[in-house]
């Protein structure tokens, strides 16, 4: 994740979209979300009139297309193929395994809230038995888990072309575009 994030940051700088993406990045001169929000509000306040569009991509991580993601990773790295180690990471994150909460609740007869004070839902032996029938593997050609060490970087890499196009359109009108993962704001002066 760290290696890809460095390559991603270099790519953004070389392609003029470094300021557009503010989520899950290092090297932004110590700025936090508060600084970026202030920047946006100040930009809006400077306009006599402006159109402000705020959006959120629904089920963003659940719908990332694996083939497109792989192409964007290669584009970021400037390679024709992923290295062996990058491919293993890519494969593990796209073919992730999971257990549905409803299956745990059905097995235990309790809701997550009722089990919230438990250290573990199952003993090790119980879990080994439980997962045989309940462990699922993502067999779809889309979706990555949210919250893994590399998911945030992958989500940013996935959006490179979108960011480049939208930022170009918006800044071409004297506006401002910022994206934080699956949330974005566009401000265009009237």
C-alpha atoms as a PDB file:
ATOM      1  CA  UNK A   1       0.000   0.000   0.000  1.00  0.00           C
ATOM      2  CA  UNK A   2       2.766   2.407   0.911  1.00  0.00           C
ATOM      3  CA  UNK A   3       4.688   1.703  -2.297  1.00  0.00           C
ATOM      4  CA  UNK A   4       1.603   2.109  -4.489  1.00  0.00           C
ATOM      5  CA  UNK A   5       0.591   5.252  -2.616  1.00  0.00           C
ATOM      6  CA  UNK A   6       3.989   6.818  -3.377  1.00  0.00           C
ATOM      7  CA  UNK A   7       3.591   5.964  -7.070  1.00  0.00           C
ATOM      8  CA  UNK A   8       0.035   7.296  -7.001  1.00  0.00           C
ATOM      9  CA  UNK A   9       1.146  10.606  -5.453  1.00  0.00           C
ATOM     10  CA  UNK A  10       3.844  10.996  -8.119  1.00  0.00           C
ATOM     11  CA  UNK A  11       1.271  10.247 -10.827  1.00  0.00           C
ATOM     12  CA  UNK A  12      -1.106  12.926  -9.483  1.00  0.00           C
ATOM     13  CA  UNK A  13       1.644  15.540  -9.412  1.00  0.00           C
ATOM     14  CA  UNK A  14       2.796  14.707 -12.952  1.00  0.00           C
ATOM     15  CA  UNK A  15      -0.787  14.875 -14.250  1.00  0.00           C
ATOM     16  CA  UNK A  16      -1.905  18.093 -12.553  1.00  0.00           C
ATOM     17  CA  UNK A  17      -4.506  16.611 -10.233  1.00  0.00           C
ATOM     18  CA  UNK A  18      -2.554  16.621  -6.978  1.00  0.00           C
ATOM     19  CA  UNK A  19      -4.884  19.110  -5.254  1.00  0.00           C
ATOM     20  CA  UNK A  20      -8.090  17.370  -6.343  1.00  0.00           C
ATOM     21  CA  UNK A  21      -7.766  14.231  -4.211  1.00  0.00           C
ATOM     22  CA  UNK A  22      -7.574  14.713  -0.463  1.00  0.00           C
ATOM     23  CA  UNK A  23      -8.501  11.337   1.033  1.00  0.00           C
ATOM     24  CA  UNK A  24      -6.081   8.653   2.216  1.00  0.00           C
ATOM     25  CA  UNK A  25      -2.938  10.453   1.126  1.00  0.00           C
ATOM     26  CA  UNK A  26       0.386  11.299   2.678  1.00  0.00           C
ATOM     27  CA  UNK A  27       2.549  14.277   1.827  1.00  0.00           C
ATOM     28  CA  UNK A  28      -0.163  16.921   1.813  1.00  0.00           C
ATOM     29  CA  UNK A  29       1.954  19.362   3.826  1.00  0.00           C
ATOM     30  CA  UNK A  30       0.454  18.247   7.133  1.00  0.00           C
ATOM     31  CA  UNK A  31      -3.035  19.342   6.152  1.00  0.00           C
ATOM     32  CA  UNK A  32      -6.068  17.539   7.515  1.00  0.00           C
ATOM     33  CA  UNK A  33      -9.688  17.390   6.407  1.00  0.00           C
ATOM     34  CA  UNK A  34     -10.327  20.536   8.459  1.00  0.00           C
ATOM     35  CA  UNK A  35      -7.822  22.481   6.344  1.00  0.00           C
ATOM     36  CA  UNK A  36      -9.378  21.221   3.113  1.00  0.00           C
ATOM     37  CA  UNK A  37     -12.910  22.003   4.279  1.00  0.00           C
ATOM     38  CA  UNK A  38     -11.785  25.521   5.202  1.00  0.00           C
ATOM     39  CA  UNK A  39     -10.244  25.921   1.744  1.00  0.00           C
ATOM     40  CA  UNK A  40     -13.527  24.925   0.082  1.00  0.00           C
ATOM     41  CA  UNK A  41     -15.640  27.212   2.279  1.00  0.00           C
ATOM     42  CA  UNK A  42     -13.279  30.126   1.639  1.00  0.00           C
ATOM     43  CA  UNK A  43     -13.479  29.488  -2.110  1.00  0.00           C
ATOM     44  CA  UNK A  44     -17.281  29.481  -1.946  1.00  0.00           C
ATOM     45  CA  UNK A  45     -17.298  32.673   0.141  1.00  0.00           C
ATOM     46  CA  UNK A  46     -15.170  34.457  -2.493  1.00  0.00           C
ATOM     47  CA  UNK A  47     -17.807  33.873  -5.196  1.00  0.00           C
ATOM     48  CA  UNK A  48     -20.715  36.243  -5.807  1.00  0.00           C
ATOM     49  CA  UNK A  49     -22.707  33.246  -7.043  1.00  0.00           C
ATOM     50  CA  UNK A  50     -21.720  29.630  -7.461  1.00  0.00           C
ATOM     51  CA  UNK A  51     -23.132  26.225  -8.162  1.00  0.00           C
ATOM     52  CA  UNK A  52     -22.123  23.762  -5.458  1.00  0.00           C
ATOM     53  CA  UNK A  53     -22.520  20.060  -6.101  1.00  0.00           C
ATOM     54  CA  UNK A  54     -21.871  17.577  -3.328  1.00  0.00           C
ATOM     55  CA  UNK A  55     -22.021  13.865  -4.090  1.00  0.00           C
ATOM     56  CA  UNK A  56     -21.363  10.395  -2.802  1.00  0.00           C
ATOM     57  CA  UNK A  57     -20.840   7.233  -4.827  1.00  0.00           C
ATOM     58  CA  UNK A  58     -23.237   4.634  -3.418  1.00  0.00           C
ATOM     59  CA  UNK A  59     -21.702   1.258  -2.512  1.00  0.00           C
ATOM     60  CA  UNK A  60     -18.402   2.467  -3.915  1.00  0.00           C
ATOM     61  CA  UNK A  61     -16.052  -0.270  -2.684  1.00  0.00           C
ATOM     62  CA  UNK A  62     -18.625  -2.965  -3.420  1.00  0.00           C
ATOM     63  CA  UNK A  63     -18.683  -2.037  -7.101  1.00  0.00           C
ATOM     64  CA  UNK A  64     -15.057  -1.454  -8.109  1.00  0.00           C
ATOM     65  CA  UNK A  65     -14.460  -3.389 -11.330  1.00  0.00           C
ATOM     66  CA  UNK A  66     -11.414  -5.661 -10.954  1.00  0.00           C
ATOM     67  CA  UNK A  67     -10.209  -5.419 -14.564  1.00  0.00           C
ATOM     68  CA  UNK A  68     -10.408  -1.635 -14.571  1.00  0.00           C
ATOM     69  CA  UNK A  69      -8.697  -1.455 -11.167  1.00  0.00           C
ATOM     70  CA  UNK A  70      -5.852  -3.625 -12.428  1.00  0.00           C
ATOM     71  CA  UNK A  71      -5.420  -1.372 -15.486  1.00  0.00           C
ATOM     72  CA  UNK A  72      -5.335   1.739 -13.295  1.00  0.00           C
ATOM     73  CA  UNK A  73      -2.721   0.186 -11.005  1.00  0.00           C
ATOM     74  CA  UNK A  74      -0.549  -0.591 -14.045  1.00  0.00           C
ATOM     75  CA  UNK A  75      -1.123   2.944 -15.346  1.00  0.00           C
ATOM     76  CA  UNK A  76      -0.059   4.420 -12.010  1.00  0.00           C
ATOM     77  CA  UNK A  77       3.068   2.271 -11.952  1.00  0.00           C
ATOM     78  CA  UNK A  78       3.832   2.805 -15.624  1.00  0.00           C
ATOM     79  CA  UNK A  79       4.015  -0.944 -16.236  1.00  0.00           C
ATOM     80  CA  UNK A  80       2.517  -3.412 -18.684  1.00  0.00           C
ATOM     81  CA  UNK A  81       1.935  -6.069 -16.003  1.00  0.00           C
ATOM     82  CA  UNK A  82       1.716  -6.098 -12.225  1.00  0.00           C
ATOM     83  CA  UNK A  83       4.813  -7.365 -10.453  1.00  0.00           C
ATOM     84  CA  UNK A  84       4.429 -10.792  -8.810  1.00  0.00           C
ATOM     85  CA  UNK A  85       4.057  -9.311  -5.323  1.00  0.00           C
ATOM     86  CA  UNK A  86       1.584  -6.632  -6.464  1.00  0.00           C
ATOM     87  CA  UNK A  87      -0.447  -9.286  -8.288  1.00  0.00           C
ATOM     88  CA  UNK A  88      -0.643 -11.437  -5.135  1.00  0.00           C
ATOM     89  CA  UNK A  89      -1.922  -8.459  -3.155  1.00  0.00           C
ATOM     90  CA  UNK A  90      -4.382  -7.575  -5.925  1.00  0.00           C
ATOM     91  CA  UNK A  91      -5.642 -11.165  -6.109  1.00  0.00           C
ATOM     92  CA  UNK A  92      -6.091 -11.477  -2.358  1.00  0.00           C
ATOM     93  CA  UNK A  93      -8.022  -8.209  -2.125  1.00  0.00           C
ATOM     94  CA  UNK A  94     -10.310  -8.977  -5.076  1.00  0.00           C
ATOM     95  CA  UNK A  95     -10.951 -12.613  -4.098  1.00  0.00           C
ATOM     96  CA  UNK A  96     -11.498 -11.830  -0.436  1.00  0.00           C
ATOM     97  CA  UNK A  97     -13.364 -14.125   1.915  1.00  0.00           C
ATOM     98  CA  UNK A  98     -16.038 -13.104   4.374  1.00  0.00           C
ATOM     99  CA  UNK A  99     -18.776 -14.311   6.698  1.00  0.00           C
ATOM    100  CA  UNK A 100     -22.195 -12.673   6.755  1.00  0.00           C
ATOM    101  CA  UNK A 101     -23.276 -11.173  10.067  1.00  0.00           C
ATOM    102  CA  UNK A 102     -26.728 -12.721   9.640  1.00  0.00           C
ATOM    103  CA  UNK A 103     -25.122 -16.194   9.566  1.00  0.00           C
ATOM    104  CA  UNK A 104     -23.372 -15.507  12.884  1.00  0.00           C
ATOM    105  CA  UNK A 105     -26.599 -14.176  14.358  1.00  0.00           C
ATOM    106  CA  UNK A 106     -28.526 -17.227  13.135  1.00  0.00           C
ATOM    107  CA  UNK A 107     -25.958 -19.624  14.609  1.00  0.00           C
ATOM    108  CA  UNK A 108     -25.738 -17.880  17.991  1.00  0.00           C
ATOM    109  CA  UNK A 109     -29.396 -16.866  18.198  1.00  0.00           C
ATOM    110  CA  UNK A 110     -28.297 -13.367  19.228  1.00  0.00           C
ATOM    111  CA  UNK A 111     -27.990 -10.017  17.473  1.00  0.00           C
ATOM    112  CA  UNK A 112     -24.687  -8.206  17.102  1.00  0.00           C
ATOM    113  CA  UNK A 113     -25.820  -5.753  19.754  1.00  0.00           C
ATOM    114  CA  UNK A 114     -26.505  -8.604  22.186  1.00  0.00           C
ATOM    115  CA  UNK A 115     -23.012 -10.000  21.530  1.00  0.00           C
ATOM    116  CA  UNK A 116     -21.210  -6.634  21.609  1.00  0.00           C
ATOM    117  CA  UNK A 117     -19.714  -7.207  25.055  1.00  0.00           C
ATOM    118  CA  UNK A 118     -18.265 -10.609  24.105  1.00  0.00           C
ATOM    119  CA  UNK A 119     -14.564 -10.837  23.337  1.00  0.00           C
ATOM    120  CA  UNK A 120     -15.214 -13.573  20.748  1.00  0.00           C
ATOM    121  CA  UNK A 121     -18.402 -14.885  19.164  1.00  0.00           C
ATOM    122  CA  UNK A 122     -17.025 -18.436  18.985  1.00  0.00           C
ATOM    123  CA  UNK A 123     -14.261 -20.508  20.510  1.00  0.00           C
ATOM    124  CA  UNK A 124     -11.516 -21.437  18.045  1.00  0.00           C
ATOM    125  CA  UNK A 125     -12.957 -24.935  17.529  1.00  0.00           C
ATOM    126  CA  UNK A 126     -16.508 -23.597  17.112  1.00  0.00           C
ATOM    127  CA  UNK A 127     -15.290 -21.066  14.547  1.00  0.00           C
ATOM    128  CA  UNK A 128     -13.353 -23.682  12.554  1.00  0.00           C
ATOM    129  CA  UNK A 129     -16.547 -25.735  12.306  1.00  0.00           C
ATOM    130  CA  UNK A 130     -18.728 -22.688  11.600  1.00  0.00           C
ATOM    131  CA  UNK A 131     -16.575 -21.326   8.792  1.00  0.00           C
ATOM    132  CA  UNK A 132     -16.679 -24.609   6.840  1.00  0.00           C
ATOM    133  CA  UNK A 133     -20.329 -23.934   5.996  1.00  0.00           C
ATOM    134  CA  UNK A 134     -20.386 -20.135   6.172  1.00  0.00           C
ATOM    135  CA  UNK A 135     -17.159 -18.744   4.712  1.00  0.00           C
ATOM    136  CA  UNK A 136     -17.848 -17.077   1.380  1.00  0.00           C
ATOM    137  CA  UNK A 137     -15.336 -16.024  -1.271  1.00  0.00           C
ATOM    138  CA  UNK A 138     -15.935 -13.102  -3.602  1.00  0.00           C
ATOM    139  CA  UNK A 139     -16.270 -14.746  -7.021  1.00  0.00           C
ATOM    140  CA  UNK A 140     -17.553 -11.591  -8.692  1.00  0.00           C
ATOM    141  CA  UNK A 141     -15.434  -9.511 -11.051  1.00  0.00           C
ATOM    142  CA  UNK A 142     -16.047  -6.469  -8.867  1.00  0.00           C
ATOM    143  CA  UNK A 143     -15.847  -5.355  -5.255  1.00  0.00           C
ATOM    144  CA  UNK A 144     -13.086  -5.012  -2.687  1.00  0.00           C
ATOM    145  CA  UNK A 145     -13.384  -4.935   1.099  1.00  0.00           C
ATOM    146  CA  UNK A 146     -13.388  -1.527   2.719  1.00  0.00           C
ATOM    147  CA  UNK A 147     -10.913  -1.041   5.538  1.00  0.00           C
ATOM    148  CA  UNK A 148      -7.986  -3.208   4.451  1.00  0.00           C
ATOM    149  CA  UNK A 149      -4.522  -1.666   4.388  1.00  0.00           C
ATOM    150  CA  UNK A 150      -4.611  -1.244   0.604  1.00  0.00           C
ATOM    151  CA  UNK A 151      -8.310  -0.594  -0.090  1.00  0.00           C
ATOM    152  CA  UNK A 152      -7.987   3.166   0.347  1.00  0.00           C
ATOM    153  CA  UNK A 153      -5.080   3.380  -2.106  1.00  0.00           C
ATOM    154  CA  UNK A 154      -6.911   1.133  -4.575  1.00  0.00           C
ATOM    155  CA  UNK A 155      -9.984   3.357  -4.382  1.00  0.00           C
ATOM    156  CA  UNK A 156      -7.907   6.423  -5.211  1.00  0.00           C
ATOM    157  CA  UNK A 157      -6.066   4.683  -8.048  1.00  0.00           C
ATOM    158  CA  UNK A 158      -9.415   3.521  -9.439  1.00  0.00           C
ATOM    159  CA  UNK A 159     -10.613   7.133  -9.728  1.00  0.00           C
ATOM    160  CA  UNK A 160      -7.593   8.591 -11.582  1.00  0.00           C
ATOM    161  CA  UNK A 161      -9.318   9.137 -14.935  1.00  0.00           C
ATOM    162  CA  UNK A 162     -12.510  10.416 -13.302  1.00  0.00           C
ATOM    163  CA  UNK A 163     -10.506  12.883 -11.207  1.00  0.00           C
ATOM    164  CA  UNK A 164      -8.497  14.061 -14.216  1.00  0.00           C
ATOM    165  CA  UNK A 165     -11.586  14.629 -16.374  1.00  0.00           C
ATOM    166  CA  UNK A 166     -13.770  16.260 -13.705  1.00  0.00           C
ATOM    167  CA  UNK A 167     -10.932  18.397 -12.356  1.00  0.00           C
ATOM    168  CA  UNK A 168     -10.141  19.585 -15.894  1.00  0.00           C
ATOM    169  CA  UNK A 169     -13.759  20.503 -16.601  1.00  0.00           C
ATOM    170  CA  UNK A 170     -14.254  22.252 -13.268  1.00  0.00           C
ATOM    171  CA  UNK A 171     -10.971  24.168 -13.133  1.00  0.00           C
ATOM    172  CA  UNK A 172     -11.492  25.134 -16.784  1.00  0.00           C
ATOM    173  CA  UNK A 173     -14.553  27.048 -15.557  1.00  0.00           C
ATOM    174  CA  UNK A 174     -12.576  28.631 -12.711  1.00  0.00           C
ATOM    175  CA  UNK A 175     -14.027  26.177 -10.220  1.00  0.00           C
ATOM    176  CA  UNK A 176     -12.807  23.850  -7.527  1.00  0.00           C
ATOM    177  CA  UNK A 177     -13.053  20.042  -7.345  1.00  0.00           C
ATOM    178  CA  UNK A 178     -12.165  17.930  -4.305  1.00  0.00           C
ATOM    179  CA  UNK A 179     -12.704  14.222  -3.701  1.00  0.00           C
ATOM    180  CA  UNK A 180     -12.334  12.249  -0.495  1.00  0.00           C
ATOM    181  CA  UNK A 181     -12.728   8.552  -1.359  1.00  0.00           C
ATOM    182  CA  UNK A 182     -16.361   8.222  -2.451  1.00  0.00           C
ATOM    183  CA  UNK A 183     -17.430  11.771  -1.522  1.00  0.00           C
ATOM    184  CA  UNK A 184     -16.819  14.818  -3.673  1.00  0.00           C
ATOM    185  CA  UNK A 185     -17.578  18.515  -3.959  1.00  0.00           C
ATOM    186  CA  UNK A 186     -17.613  20.679  -7.064  1.00  0.00           C
ATOM    187  CA  UNK A 187     -17.865  24.471  -6.888  1.00  0.00           C
ATOM    188  CA  UNK A 188     -18.303  26.426 -10.114  1.00  0.00           C
ATOM    189  CA  UNK A 189     -18.551  30.232 -10.057  1.00  0.00           C
ATOM    190  CA  UNK A 190     -21.503  31.722 -11.961  1.00  0.00           C
END
